[in-house]
Amino acid sequence: MSITNRRVARAAIASMALLAAGMAHAADKLRFANGGFGLWAVEGPRLGQQGGIFAKYGLEVEAYGTAGAGETIQAVVSGSADMSVGVGATGVLGAYAKGAPIRVFGSNFVGAGDLFFYVKADSPIKSLKDADASRTMGYSTAGSSSNLTVLAVIDELGLKAKAFATGDQPATLTQVLSGQVDIGFATPPFALKEVDEGKIRVVGNGNDAPSLRAQSVRLDIVGLKLLNERPDVFARFVRAYRETLDWMYTDPEAVRLWAASINVPVELAKRAAYEFQPRSARDPDNIVGLDALMASATRQKFLARPLTPAQIADMVVKPKQ
């Protein structure tokens, strides 16, 4: 064999080795439980998979929907899901305090301005201040970000309305339109179409509760099993996820993919993504307002007492680089 042919052969073997390595990494699969399926702030894993970013890091992500924070946390606890993003902070804190094998690896969203409250178009309620003791306000499930937000709004605005678990956003809208619940909640783009059509009216949003404006109301969590058994996979995911977030806010293709996946017009998707859930509210490495979150969780009986500094240090993890 000539020198040239030997070089070609070595190059071919090297290429095959690289391909094999890539195929091996592609076999590293992660399952995501998603309590807000279709919502921009929690779509990073699904969009990153569609956009090819996770493949660059040798990962394959499978995301499936749940009915809210409680079911999401339970999926990670049981091991049927490896991770989740955008889980209500009070539920996460409460679960960790009770010994659940989960850890926090980032802040998903700061503030509650992406969640708005609405009523039927013909409702006598004109603002949240009209939510007296005869009224009900919906939230998804106990420990969810909508639960945290509703309870904070009721408390800080001095409302007398009763908080009522209504399930996911489509179920909540049905209950509001049928008169079973007075005030519903939504995160865009959900329900914006009904607002534009005049079927419902917006009467407030989560940032009407001042304390929530500087809190990481939703957190990203990972199961202890994944951390212990596949730390390299976790580290690669975190790097890919950070890259995905940057891509979501800089490349119009991300919004187009999202709009197509949830079957809404691109312009409506852009409005929901950039106006209601700006990049400035999504710094995964900066969990803010933890003391206030623990105080809220304690008042709402998710925590018996605030976590100690040692517990916080154990709960919040960062991957080894």
C-alpha atoms as a PDB file:
ATOM      1  CA  MET A   1       0.000   0.000   0.000  1.00  0.00           C
ATOM      2  CA  SER A   2       1.378   3.384  -0.958  1.00  0.00           C
ATOM      3  CA  ILE A   3       2.000   6.145   1.562  1.00  0.00           C
ATOM      4  CA  THR A   4      -0.875   8.097   0.068  1.00  0.00           C
ATOM      5  CA  ASN A   5      -3.238   5.137   0.367  1.00  0.00           C
ATOM      6  CA  ARG A   6      -2.149   4.502   3.938  1.00  0.00           C
ATOM      7  CA  ARG A   7      -2.910   8.124   4.800  1.00  0.00           C
ATOM      8  CA  VAL A   8      -6.336   7.823   3.183  1.00  0.00           C
ATOM      9  CA  ALA A   9      -6.999   4.627   5.104  1.00  0.00           C
ATOM     10  CA  ARG A  10      -5.947   6.222   8.413  1.00  0.00           C
ATOM     11  CA  ALA A  11      -8.162   9.223   7.701  1.00  0.00           C
ATOM     12  CA  ALA A  12     -11.083   6.917   6.949  1.00  0.00           C
ATOM     13  CA  ILE A  13     -10.523   4.984  10.168  1.00  0.00           C
ATOM     14  CA  ALA A  14     -10.319   8.228  12.154  1.00  0.00           C
ATOM     15  CA  SER A  15     -13.526   9.460  10.556  1.00  0.00           C
ATOM     16  CA  MET A  16     -15.278   6.195  11.418  1.00  0.00           C
ATOM     17  CA  ALA A  17     -14.053   6.476  15.007  1.00  0.00           C
ATOM     18  CA  LEU A  18     -15.410   9.995  15.282  1.00  0.00           C
ATOM     19  CA  LEU A  19     -18.717   8.873  13.799  1.00  0.00           C
ATOM     20  CA  ALA A  20     -18.898   5.969  16.225  1.00  0.00           C
ATOM     21  CA  ALA A  21     -18.183   8.304  19.127  1.00  0.00           C
ATOM     22  CA  GLY A  22     -20.916  10.626  17.936  1.00  0.00           C
ATOM     23  CA  MET A  23     -23.349   7.715  17.689  1.00  0.00           C
ATOM     24  CA  ALA A  24     -22.432   6.642  21.221  1.00  0.00           C
ATOM     25  CA  HIS A  25     -23.148  10.099  22.567  1.00  0.00           C
ATOM     26  CA  ALA A  26     -26.445  10.208  20.651  1.00  0.00           C
ATOM     27  CA  ALA A  27     -27.526   7.206  22.707  1.00  0.00           C
ATOM     28  CA  ASP A  28     -27.467   9.347  25.859  1.00  0.00           C
ATOM     29  CA  LYS A  29     -31.182   9.942  26.279  1.00  0.00           C
ATOM     30  CA  LEU A  30     -32.953  12.208  28.727  1.00  0.00           C
ATOM     31  CA  ARG A  31     -36.640  12.240  29.593  1.00  0.00           C
ATOM     32  CA  PHE A  32     -38.298  15.523  30.524  1.00  0.00           C
ATOM     33  CA  ALA A  33     -41.564  15.988  32.392  1.00  0.00           C
ATOM     34  CA  ASN A  34     -43.105  19.282  31.346  1.00  0.00           C
ATOM     35  CA  GLY A  35     -45.900  20.851  33.388  1.00  0.00           C
ATOM     36  CA  GLY A  36     -46.433  23.718  30.950  1.00  0.00           C
ATOM     37  CA  PHE A  37     -46.198  21.950  27.612  1.00  0.00           C
ATOM     38  CA  GLY A  38     -46.316  24.456  24.774  1.00  0.00           C
ATOM     39  CA  LEU A  39     -45.172  27.458  26.830  1.00  0.00           C
ATOM     40  CA  TRP A  40     -42.091  29.335  25.629  1.00  0.00           C
ATOM     41  CA  ALA A  41     -40.344  29.505  29.010  1.00  0.00           C
ATOM     42  CA  VAL A  42     -40.338  25.725  29.387  1.00  0.00           C
ATOM     43  CA  GLU A  43     -39.818  24.757  25.754  1.00  0.00           C
ATOM     44  CA  GLY A  44     -36.009  24.866  25.804  1.00  0.00           C
ATOM     45  CA  PRO A  45     -35.535  21.084  25.886  1.00  0.00           C
ATOM     46  CA  ARG A  46     -37.983  20.409  23.070  1.00  0.00           C
ATOM     47  CA  LEU A  47     -36.803  23.284  20.869  1.00  0.00           C
ATOM     48  CA  GLY A  48     -33.137  22.510  21.501  1.00  0.00           C
ATOM     49  CA  GLN A  49     -33.813  18.973  20.334  1.00  0.00           C
ATOM     50  CA  GLN A  50     -35.638  20.167  17.207  1.00  0.00           C
ATOM     51  CA  GLY A  51     -32.961  22.753  16.449  1.00  0.00           C
ATOM     52  CA  GLY A  52     -30.143  20.204  16.610  1.00  0.00           C
ATOM     53  CA  ILE A  53     -28.367  21.786  19.580  1.00  0.00           C
ATOM     54  CA  PHE A  54     -28.629  18.800  21.899  1.00  0.00           C
ATOM     55  CA  ALA A  55     -27.383  16.498  19.165  1.00  0.00           C
ATOM     56  CA  LYS A  56     -24.168  18.548  19.081  1.00  0.00           C
ATOM     57  CA  TYR A  57     -23.625  17.517  22.694  1.00  0.00           C
ATOM     58  CA  GLY A  58     -24.452  13.857  22.090  1.00  0.00           C
ATOM     59  CA  LEU A  59     -27.893  14.037  23.691  1.00  0.00           C
ATOM     60  CA  GLU A  60     -31.388  12.991  22.725  1.00  0.00           C
ATOM     61  CA  VAL A  61     -34.200  14.661  24.656  1.00  0.00           C
ATOM     62  CA  GLU A  62     -37.725  13.312  24.953  1.00  0.00           C
ATOM     63  CA  ALA A  63     -40.245  15.693  26.533  1.00  0.00           C
ATOM     64  CA  TYR A  64     -43.768  14.809  27.634  1.00  0.00           C
ATOM     65  CA  GLY A  65     -46.488  16.846  29.294  1.00  0.00           C
ATOM     66  CA  THR A  66     -47.897  16.645  32.813  1.00  0.00           C
ATOM     67  CA  ALA A  67     -50.837  18.314  34.563  1.00  0.00           C
ATOM     68  CA  GLY A  68     -48.723  20.665  36.700  1.00  0.00           C
ATOM     69  CA  ALA A  69     -45.988  20.985  39.306  1.00  0.00           C
ATOM     70  CA  GLY A  70     -47.144  18.188  41.589  1.00  0.00           C
ATOM     71  CA  GLU A  71     -47.256  15.609  38.822  1.00  0.00           C
ATOM     72  CA  THR A  72     -44.011  16.940  37.353  1.00  0.00           C
ATOM     73  CA  ILE A  73     -42.087  16.662  40.605  1.00  0.00           C
ATOM     74  CA  GLN A  74     -43.477  13.175  41.199  1.00  0.00           C
ATOM     75  CA  ALA A  75     -42.295  12.094  37.752  1.00  0.00           C
ATOM     76  CA  VAL A  76     -38.729  13.189  38.569  1.00  0.00           C
ATOM     77  CA  VAL A  77     -38.924  11.676  42.059  1.00  0.00           C
ATOM     78  CA  SER A  78     -40.088   8.315  40.695  1.00  0.00           C
ATOM     79  CA  GLY A  79     -37.447   8.276  37.967  1.00  0.00           C
ATOM     80  CA  SER A  80     -39.938   8.232  35.089  1.00  0.00           C
ATOM     81  CA  ALA A  81     -38.394  11.590  34.134  1.00  0.00           C
ATOM     82  CA  ASP A  82     -34.792  12.669  34.559  1.00  0.00           C
ATOM     83  CA  MET A  83     -35.335  16.414  34.735  1.00  0.00           C
ATOM     84  CA  SER A  84     -37.782  19.262  34.324  1.00  0.00           C
ATOM     85  CA  VAL A  85     -37.652  22.992  33.733  1.00  0.00           C
ATOM     86  CA  GLY A  86     -40.066  25.667  34.899  1.00  0.00           C
ATOM     87  CA  VAL A  87     -41.415  23.980  38.047  1.00  0.00           C
ATOM     88  CA  GLY A  88     -43.161  26.078  40.692  1.00  0.00           C
ATOM     89  CA  ALA A  89     -40.600  27.107  43.303  1.00  0.00           C
ATOM     90  CA  THR A  90     -42.735  26.516  46.394  1.00  0.00           C
ATOM     91  CA  GLY A  91     -43.508  22.967  45.313  1.00  0.00           C
ATOM     92  CA  VAL A  92     -39.825  22.295  44.663  1.00  0.00           C
ATOM     93  CA  LEU A  93     -38.765  23.671  48.046  1.00  0.00           C
ATOM     94  CA  GLY A  94     -41.436  21.656  49.836  1.00  0.00           C
ATOM     95  CA  ALA A  95     -40.531  18.442  48.046  1.00  0.00           C
ATOM     96  CA  TYR A  96     -36.813  18.851  48.762  1.00  0.00           C
ATOM     97  CA  ALA A  97     -37.484  19.579  52.440  1.00  0.00           C
ATOM     98  CA  LYS A  98     -39.427  16.315  52.680  1.00  0.00           C
ATOM     99  CA  GLY A  99     -36.472  14.384  51.340  1.00  0.00           C
ATOM    100  CA  ALA A 100     -37.423  14.075  47.683  1.00  0.00           C
ATOM    101  CA  PRO A 101     -34.408  12.979  45.566  1.00  0.00           C
ATOM    102  CA  ILE A 102     -34.361  16.152  43.468  1.00  0.00           C
ATOM    103  CA  ARG A 103     -31.974  19.057  43.134  1.00  0.00           C
ATOM    104  CA  VAL A 104     -32.247  22.546  41.621  1.00  0.00           C
ATOM    105  CA  PHE A 105     -29.908  23.405  38.763  1.00  0.00           C
ATOM    106  CA  GLY A 106     -31.232  26.791  37.717  1.00  0.00           C
ATOM    107  CA  SER A 107     -33.725  29.604  37.700  1.00  0.00           C
ATOM    108  CA  ASN A 108     -36.315  29.296  34.952  1.00  0.00           C
ATOM    109  CA  PHE A 109     -38.114  32.631  35.244  1.00  0.00           C
ATOM    110  CA  VAL A 110     -37.901  35.702  37.483  1.00  0.00           C
ATOM    111  CA  GLY A 111     -41.135  37.506  38.270  1.00  0.00           C
ATOM    112  CA  ALA A 112     -44.702  36.576  37.417  1.00  0.00           C
ATOM    113  CA  GLY A 113     -45.443  39.070  34.667  1.00  0.00           C
ATOM    114  CA  ASP A 114     -45.870  36.292  32.111  1.00  0.00           C
ATOM    115  CA  LEU A 115     -48.959  35.012  33.909  1.00  0.00           C
ATOM    116  CA  PHE A 116     -52.169  37.006  33.483  1.00  0.00           C
ATOM    117  CA  PHE A 117     -55.605  36.719  35.054  1.00  0.00           C
ATOM    118  CA  TYR A 118     -58.810  36.883  33.029  1.00  0.00           C
ATOM    119  CA  VAL A 119     -62.589  36.710  33.353  1.00  0.00           C
ATOM    120  CA  LYS A 120     -65.483  36.100  30.971  1.00  0.00           C
ATOM    121  CA  ALA A 121     -66.234  39.126  28.835  1.00  0.00           C
ATOM    122  CA  ASP A 122     -69.591  39.673  30.565  1.00  0.00           C
ATOM    123  CA  SER A 123     -68.230  39.229  34.103  1.00  0.00           C
ATOM    124  CA  PRO A 124     -68.955  42.063  36.557  1.00  0.00           C
ATOM    125  CA  ILE A 125     -65.325  41.783  37.732  1.00  0.00           C
ATOM    126  CA  LYS A 126     -63.394  44.752  36.352  1.00  0.00           C
ATOM    127  CA  SER A 127     -60.126  44.286  38.256  1.00  0.00           C
ATOM    128  CA  LEU A 128     -58.593  41.935  40.786  1.00  0.00           C
ATOM    129  CA  LYS A 129     -59.801  44.226  43.558  1.00  0.00           C
ATOM    130  CA  ASP A 130     -63.336  43.034  42.775  1.00  0.00           C
ATOM    131  CA  ALA A 131     -62.406  39.478  43.791  1.00  0.00           C
ATOM    132  CA  ASP A 132     -64.464  39.320  46.997  1.00  0.00           C
ATOM    133  CA  ALA A 133     -65.324  36.304  49.133  1.00  0.00           C
ATOM    134  CA  SER A 134     -67.921  35.104  46.623  1.00  0.00           C
ATOM    135  CA  ARG A 135     -65.294  34.737  43.858  1.00  0.00           C
ATOM    136  CA  THR A 136     -62.891  31.953  42.926  1.00  0.00           C
ATOM    137  CA  MET A 137     -59.432  32.245  41.354  1.00  0.00           C
ATOM    138  CA  GLY A 138     -58.020  29.305  39.452  1.00  0.00           C
ATOM    139  CA  TYR A 139     -54.521  27.809  39.591  1.00  0.00           C
ATOM    140  CA  SER A 140     -53.201  24.562  38.147  1.00  0.00           C
ATOM    141  CA  THR A 141     -52.006  22.322  40.989  1.00  0.00           C
ATOM    142  CA  ALA A 142     -50.657  22.704  44.519  1.00  0.00           C
ATOM    143  CA  GLY A 143     -47.069  23.944  44.514  1.00  0.00           C
ATOM    144  CA  SER A 144     -47.182  25.222  40.935  1.00  0.00           C
ATOM    145  CA  SER A 145     -46.057  28.703  39.926  1.00  0.00           C
ATOM    146  CA  SER A 146     -49.698  29.614  39.277  1.00  0.00           C
ATOM    147  CA  ASN A 147     -50.542  28.468  42.826  1.00  0.00           C
ATOM    148  CA  LEU A 148     -47.719  30.595  44.254  1.00  0.00           C
ATOM    149  CA  THR A 149     -48.844  33.566  42.178  1.00  0.00           C
ATOM    150  CA  VAL A 150     -52.540  33.326  43.044  1.00  0.00           C
ATOM    151  CA  LEU A 151     -51.844  33.009  46.767  1.00  0.00           C
ATOM    152  CA  ALA A 152     -49.392  35.932  46.677  1.00  0.00           C
ATOM    153  CA  VAL A 153     -51.869  38.140  44.801  1.00  0.00           C
ATOM    154  CA  ILE A 154     -54.677  37.285  47.221  1.00  0.00           C
ATOM    155  CA  ASP A 155     -52.464  37.969  50.228  1.00  0.00           C
ATOM    156  CA  GLU A 156     -50.707  41.130  49.044  1.00  0.00           C
ATOM    157  CA  LEU A 157     -53.766  42.786  47.526  1.00  0.00           C
ATOM    158  CA  GLY A 158     -55.938  41.840  50.500  1.00  0.00           C
ATOM    159  CA  LEU A 159     -58.396  39.874  48.369  1.00  0.00           C
ATOM    160  CA  LYS A 160     -61.003  37.548  49.836  1.00  0.00           C
ATOM    161  CA  ALA A 161     -61.363  35.289  46.795  1.00  0.00           C
ATOM    162  CA  LYS A 162     -60.923  31.545  47.204  1.00  0.00           C
ATOM    163  CA  ALA A 163     -58.003  29.863  45.411  1.00  0.00           C
ATOM    164  CA  PHE A 164     -59.266  26.870  43.460  1.00  0.00           C
ATOM    165  CA  ALA A 165     -57.312  24.126  41.665  1.00  0.00           C
ATOM    166  CA  THR A 166     -58.513  24.016  38.063  1.00  0.00           C
ATOM    167  CA  GLY A 167     -55.873  21.895  36.321  1.00  0.00           C
ATOM    168  CA  ASP A 168     -54.048  22.884  33.163  1.00  0.00           C
ATOM    169  CA  GLN A 169     -54.738  26.013  31.136  1.00  0.00           C
ATOM    170  CA  PRO A 170     -57.268  24.563  28.653  1.00  0.00           C
ATOM    171  CA  ALA A 171     -59.258  23.077  31.551  1.00  0.00           C
ATOM    172  CA  THR A 172     -59.112  26.415  33.369  1.00  0.00           C
ATOM    173  CA  LEU A 173     -60.396  28.320  30.337  1.00  0.00           C
ATOM    174  CA  THR A 174     -63.297  25.876  29.975  1.00  0.00           C
ATOM    175  CA  GLN A 175     -64.254  26.368  33.622  1.00  0.00           C
ATOM    176  CA  VAL A 176     -64.129  30.152  33.332  1.00  0.00           C
ATOM    177  CA  LEU A 177     -66.216  30.240  30.148  1.00  0.00           C
ATOM    178  CA  SER A 178     -68.769  27.839  31.682  1.00  0.00           C
ATOM    179  CA  GLY A 179     -69.024  29.919  34.868  1.00  0.00           C
ATOM    180  CA  GLN A 180     -67.560  27.320  37.221  1.00  0.00           C
ATOM    181  CA  VAL A 181     -64.626  29.610  38.126  1.00  0.00           C
ATOM    182  CA  ASP A 182     -64.639  33.399  38.157  1.00  0.00           C
ATOM    183  CA  ILE A 183     -60.992  34.221  37.432  1.00  0.00           C
ATOM    184  CA  GLY A 184     -58.666  32.108  35.340  1.00  0.00           C
ATOM    185  CA  PHE A 185     -54.933  32.230  34.692  1.00  0.00           C
ATOM    186  CA  ALA A 186     -52.920  31.899  31.505  1.00  0.00           C
ATOM    187  CA  THR A 187     -49.403  32.189  30.197  1.00  0.00           C
ATOM    188  CA  PRO A 188     -49.154  33.435  26.589  1.00  0.00           C
ATOM    189  CA  PRO A 189     -49.682  32.505  23.883  1.00  0.00           C
ATOM    190  CA  PHE A 190     -52.482  30.564  25.494  1.00  0.00           C
ATOM    191  CA  ALA A 191     -55.732  32.570  25.693  1.00  0.00           C
ATOM    192  CA  LEU A 192     -54.405  35.595  23.771  1.00  0.00           C
ATOM    193  CA  LYS A 193     -56.643  34.573  20.866  1.00  0.00           C
ATOM    194  CA  GLU A 194     -59.682  34.571  23.169  1.00  0.00           C
ATOM    195  CA  VAL A 195     -58.663  37.995  24.491  1.00  0.00           C
ATOM    196  CA  ASP A 196     -58.426  39.375  20.956  1.00  0.00           C
ATOM    197  CA  GLU A 197     -61.793  37.816  20.073  1.00  0.00           C
ATOM    198  CA  GLY A 198     -63.442  39.481  23.068  1.00  0.00           C
ATOM    199  CA  LYS A 199     -64.412  36.208  24.783  1.00  0.00           C
ATOM    200  CA  ILE A 200     -62.403  37.038  27.914  1.00  0.00           C
ATOM    201  CA  ARG A 201     -60.936  40.157  29.515  1.00  0.00           C
ATOM    202  CA  VAL A 202     -57.585  40.581  31.266  1.00  0.00           C
ATOM    203  CA  VAL A 203     -57.951  41.884  34.839  1.00  0.00           C
ATOM    204  CA  GLY A 204     -54.373  41.658  36.138  1.00  0.00           C
ATOM    205  CA  ASN A 205     -51.105  39.761  36.127  1.00  0.00           C
ATOM    206  CA  GLY A 206     -48.762  38.069  38.542  1.00  0.00           C
ATOM    207  CA  ASN A 207     -46.579  41.107  39.066  1.00  0.00           C
ATOM    208  CA  ASP A 208     -49.527  42.819  40.744  1.00  0.00           C
ATOM    209  CA  ALA A 209     -48.075  41.056  43.797  1.00  0.00           C
ATOM    210  CA  PRO A 210     -44.962  43.213  44.441  1.00  0.00           C
ATOM    211  CA  SER A 211     -43.022  40.465  46.200  1.00  0.00           C
ATOM    212  CA  LEU A 212     -43.012  38.256  43.103  1.00  0.00           C
ATOM    213  CA  ARG A 213     -41.289  40.773  40.858  1.00  0.00           C
ATOM    214  CA  ALA A 214     -37.832  39.812  42.115  1.00  0.00           C
ATOM    215  CA  GLN A 215     -38.260  36.090  42.750  1.00  0.00           C
ATOM    216  CA  SER A 216     -37.358  33.022  40.712  1.00  0.00           C
ATOM    217  CA  VAL A 217     -40.930  31.788  40.737  1.00  0.00           C
ATOM    218  CA  ARG A 218     -40.069  28.747  38.598  1.00  0.00           C
ATOM    219  CA  LEU A 219     -37.018  26.536  38.969  1.00  0.00           C
ATOM    220  CA  ASP A 220     -35.266  23.862  36.899  1.00  0.00           C
ATOM    221  CA  ILE A 221     -34.831  20.498  38.622  1.00  0.00           C
ATOM    222  CA  VAL A 222     -32.922  17.271  38.117  1.00  0.00           C
ATOM    223  CA  GLY A 223     -33.303  13.857  39.705  1.00  0.00           C
ATOM    224  CA  LEU A 224     -30.604  12.687  42.087  1.00  0.00           C
ATOM    225  CA  LYS A 225     -30.380   9.403  40.170  1.00  0.00           C
ATOM    226  CA  LEU A 226     -29.156  11.186  37.034  1.00  0.00           C
ATOM    227  CA  LEU A 227     -26.714  13.320  39.025  1.00  0.00           C
ATOM    228  CA  ASN A 228     -25.207  10.299  40.738  1.00  0.00           C
ATOM    229  CA  GLU A 229     -25.164   7.854  37.839  1.00  0.00           C
ATOM    230  CA  ARG A 230     -24.601  10.052  34.777  1.00  0.00           C
ATOM    231  CA  PRO A 231     -22.962  13.320  35.871  1.00  0.00           C
ATOM    232  CA  ASP A 232     -21.288  13.747  32.475  1.00  0.00           C
ATOM    233  CA  VAL A 233     -24.693  13.614  30.757  1.00  0.00           C
ATOM    234  CA  PHE A 234     -26.038  16.215  33.157  1.00  0.00           C
ATOM    235  CA  ALA A 235     -23.049  18.494  32.503  1.00  0.00           C
ATOM    236  CA  ARG A 236     -23.509  18.217  28.747  1.00  0.00           C
ATOM    237  CA  PHE A 237     -27.204  18.949  29.086  1.00  0.00           C
ATOM    238  CA  VAL A 238     -26.578  22.127  31.061  1.00  0.00           C
ATOM    239  CA  ARG A 239     -24.157  23.415  28.436  1.00  0.00           C
ATOM    240  CA  ALA A 240     -26.582  22.569  25.635  1.00  0.00           C
ATOM    241  CA  TYR A 241     -29.498  24.127  27.492  1.00  0.00           C
ATOM    242  CA  ARG A 242     -27.612  27.412  28.020  1.00  0.00           C
ATOM    243  CA  GLU A 243     -26.790  27.496  24.316  1.00  0.00           C
ATOM    244  CA  THR A 244     -30.431  26.750  23.498  1.00  0.00           C
ATOM    245  CA  LEU A 245     -31.655  29.709  25.549  1.00  0.00           C
ATOM    246  CA  ASP A 246     -29.328  32.070  23.678  1.00  0.00           C
ATOM    247  CA  TRP A 247     -30.496  30.624  20.354  1.00  0.00           C
ATOM    248  CA  MET A 248     -34.183  30.993  21.295  1.00  0.00           C
ATOM    249  CA  TYR A 249     -33.762  34.752  21.713  1.00  0.00           C
ATOM    250  CA  THR A 250     -31.468  35.455  18.771  1.00  0.00           C
ATOM    251  CA  ASP A 251     -32.583  33.200  15.921  1.00  0.00           C
ATOM    252  CA  PRO A 252     -36.092  33.722  14.453  1.00  0.00           C
ATOM    253  CA  GLU A 253     -36.089  30.051  13.468  1.00  0.00           C
ATOM    254  CA  ALA A 254     -36.631  29.123  17.131  1.00  0.00           C
ATOM    255  CA  VAL A 255     -39.882  31.083  17.287  1.00  0.00           C
ATOM    256  CA  ARG A 256     -40.988  29.666  13.943  1.00  0.00           C
ATOM    257  CA  LEU A 257     -40.408  26.123  15.199  1.00  0.00           C
ATOM    258  CA  TRP A 258     -42.314  26.886  18.384  1.00  0.00           C
ATOM    259  CA  ALA A 259     -45.225  28.514  16.541  1.00  0.00           C
ATOM    260  CA  ALA A 260     -45.537  25.506  14.254  1.00  0.00           C
ATOM    261  CA  SER A 261     -45.400  23.047  17.150  1.00  0.00           C
ATOM    262  CA  ILE A 262     -48.265  24.741  19.005  1.00  0.00           C
ATOM    263  CA  ASN A 263     -50.187  25.721  15.877  1.00  0.00           C
ATOM    264  CA  VAL A 264     -50.323  29.490  16.374  1.00  0.00           C
ATOM    265  CA  PRO A 265     -49.382  32.325  14.001  1.00  0.00           C
ATOM    266  CA  VAL A 266     -45.731  33.335  14.134  1.00  0.00           C
ATOM    267  CA  GLU A 267     -46.562  36.936  15.057  1.00  0.00           C
ATOM    268  CA  LEU A 268     -48.617  35.773  18.040  1.00  0.00           C
ATOM    269  CA  ALA A 269     -45.761  33.500  19.088  1.00  0.00           C
ATOM    270  CA  LYS A 270     -43.266  36.373  18.869  1.00  0.00           C
ATOM    271  CA  ARG A 271     -45.512  38.532  21.053  1.00  0.00           C
ATOM    272  CA  ALA A 272     -45.826  35.813  23.662  1.00  0.00           C
ATOM    273  CA  ALA A 273     -42.121  35.005  23.694  1.00  0.00           C
ATOM    274  CA  TYR A 274     -40.508  38.419  23.585  1.00  0.00           C
ATOM    275  CA  GLU A 275     -43.059  40.630  25.369  1.00  0.00           C
ATOM    276  CA  PHE A 276     -44.217  38.310  28.132  1.00  0.00           C
ATOM    277  CA  GLN A 277     -41.127  36.147  28.669  1.00  0.00           C
ATOM    278  CA  PRO A 278     -38.065  38.296  27.877  1.00  0.00           C
ATOM    279  CA  ARG A 279     -34.516  36.999  28.037  1.00  0.00           C
ATOM    280  CA  SER A 280     -33.805  39.375  30.937  1.00  0.00           C
ATOM    281  CA  ALA A 281     -36.082  37.260  33.138  1.00  0.00           C
ATOM    282  CA  ARG A 282     -34.334  34.046  32.176  1.00  0.00           C
ATOM    283  CA  ASP A 283     -30.860  33.854  33.672  1.00  0.00           C
ATOM    284  CA  PRO A 284     -30.579  30.194  34.689  1.00  0.00           C
ATOM    285  CA  ASP A 285     -27.456  30.775  36.767  1.00  0.00           C
ATOM    286  CA  ASN A 286     -29.034  33.420  38.994  1.00  0.00           C
ATOM    287  CA  ILE A 287     -31.652  32.159  41.461  1.00  0.00           C
ATOM    288  CA  VAL A 288     -33.058  35.306  43.085  1.00  0.00           C
ATOM    289  CA  GLY A 289     -35.336  36.041  46.023  1.00  0.00           C
ATOM    290  CA  LEU A 290     -34.805  32.684  47.699  1.00  0.00           C
ATOM    291  CA  ASP A 291     -35.458  34.076  51.188  1.00  0.00           C
ATOM    292  CA  ALA A 292     -38.775  35.532  50.020  1.00  0.00           C
ATOM    293  CA  LEU A 293     -39.656  32.273  48.274  1.00  0.00           C
ATOM    294  CA  MET A 294     -38.992  30.305  51.454  1.00  0.00           C
ATOM    295  CA  ALA A 295     -41.097  32.752  53.464  1.00  0.00           C
ATOM    296  CA  SER A 296     -43.971  32.286  51.003  1.00  0.00           C
ATOM    297  CA  ALA A 297     -43.574  28.516  51.053  1.00  0.00           C
ATOM    298  CA  THR A 298     -43.642  28.563  54.860  1.00  0.00           C
ATOM    299  CA  ARG A 299     -46.800  30.702  54.962  1.00  0.00           C
ATOM    300  CA  GLN A 300     -48.441  28.419  52.435  1.00  0.00           C
ATOM    301  CA  LYS A 301     -47.471  25.305  54.435  1.00  0.00           C
ATOM    302  CA  PHE A 302     -45.183  23.850  51.760  1.00  0.00           C
ATOM    303  CA  LEU A 303     -42.309  24.285  54.229  1.00  0.00           C
ATOM    304  CA  ALA A 304     -42.439  23.799  57.989  1.00  0.00           C
ATOM    305  CA  ARG A 305     -39.568  26.283  58.277  1.00  0.00           C
ATOM    306  CA  PRO A 306     -37.093  27.971  55.929  1.00  0.00           C
ATOM    307  CA  LEU A 307     -34.244  25.824  54.677  1.00  0.00           C
ATOM    308  CA  THR A 308     -30.884  26.181  56.389  1.00  0.00           C
ATOM    309  CA  PRO A 309     -27.824  27.465  54.505  1.00  0.00           C
ATOM    310  CA  ALA A 310     -26.487  23.896  54.488  1.00  0.00           C
ATOM    311  CA  GLN A 311     -29.702  22.609  52.936  1.00  0.00           C
ATOM    312  CA  ILE A 312     -29.633  25.320  50.280  1.00  0.00           C
ATOM    313  CA  ALA A 313     -26.031  24.485  49.445  1.00  0.00           C
ATOM    314  CA  ASP A 314     -27.036  20.836  49.056  1.00  0.00           C
ATOM    315  CA  MET A 315     -30.186  21.595  47.040  1.00  0.00           C
ATOM    316  CA  VAL A 316     -28.651  23.890  44.395  1.00  0.00           C
ATOM    317  CA  VAL A 317     -26.185  22.064  42.146  1.00  0.00           C
ATOM    318  CA  LYS A 318     -23.884  22.996  39.301  1.00  0.00           C
ATOM    319  CA  PRO A 319     -22.358  20.508  36.876  1.00  0.00           C
ATOM    320  CA  LYS A 320     -18.671  19.746  36.914  1.00  0.00           C
ATOM    321  CA  GLN A 321     -17.079  21.421  33.908  1.00  0.00           C
END
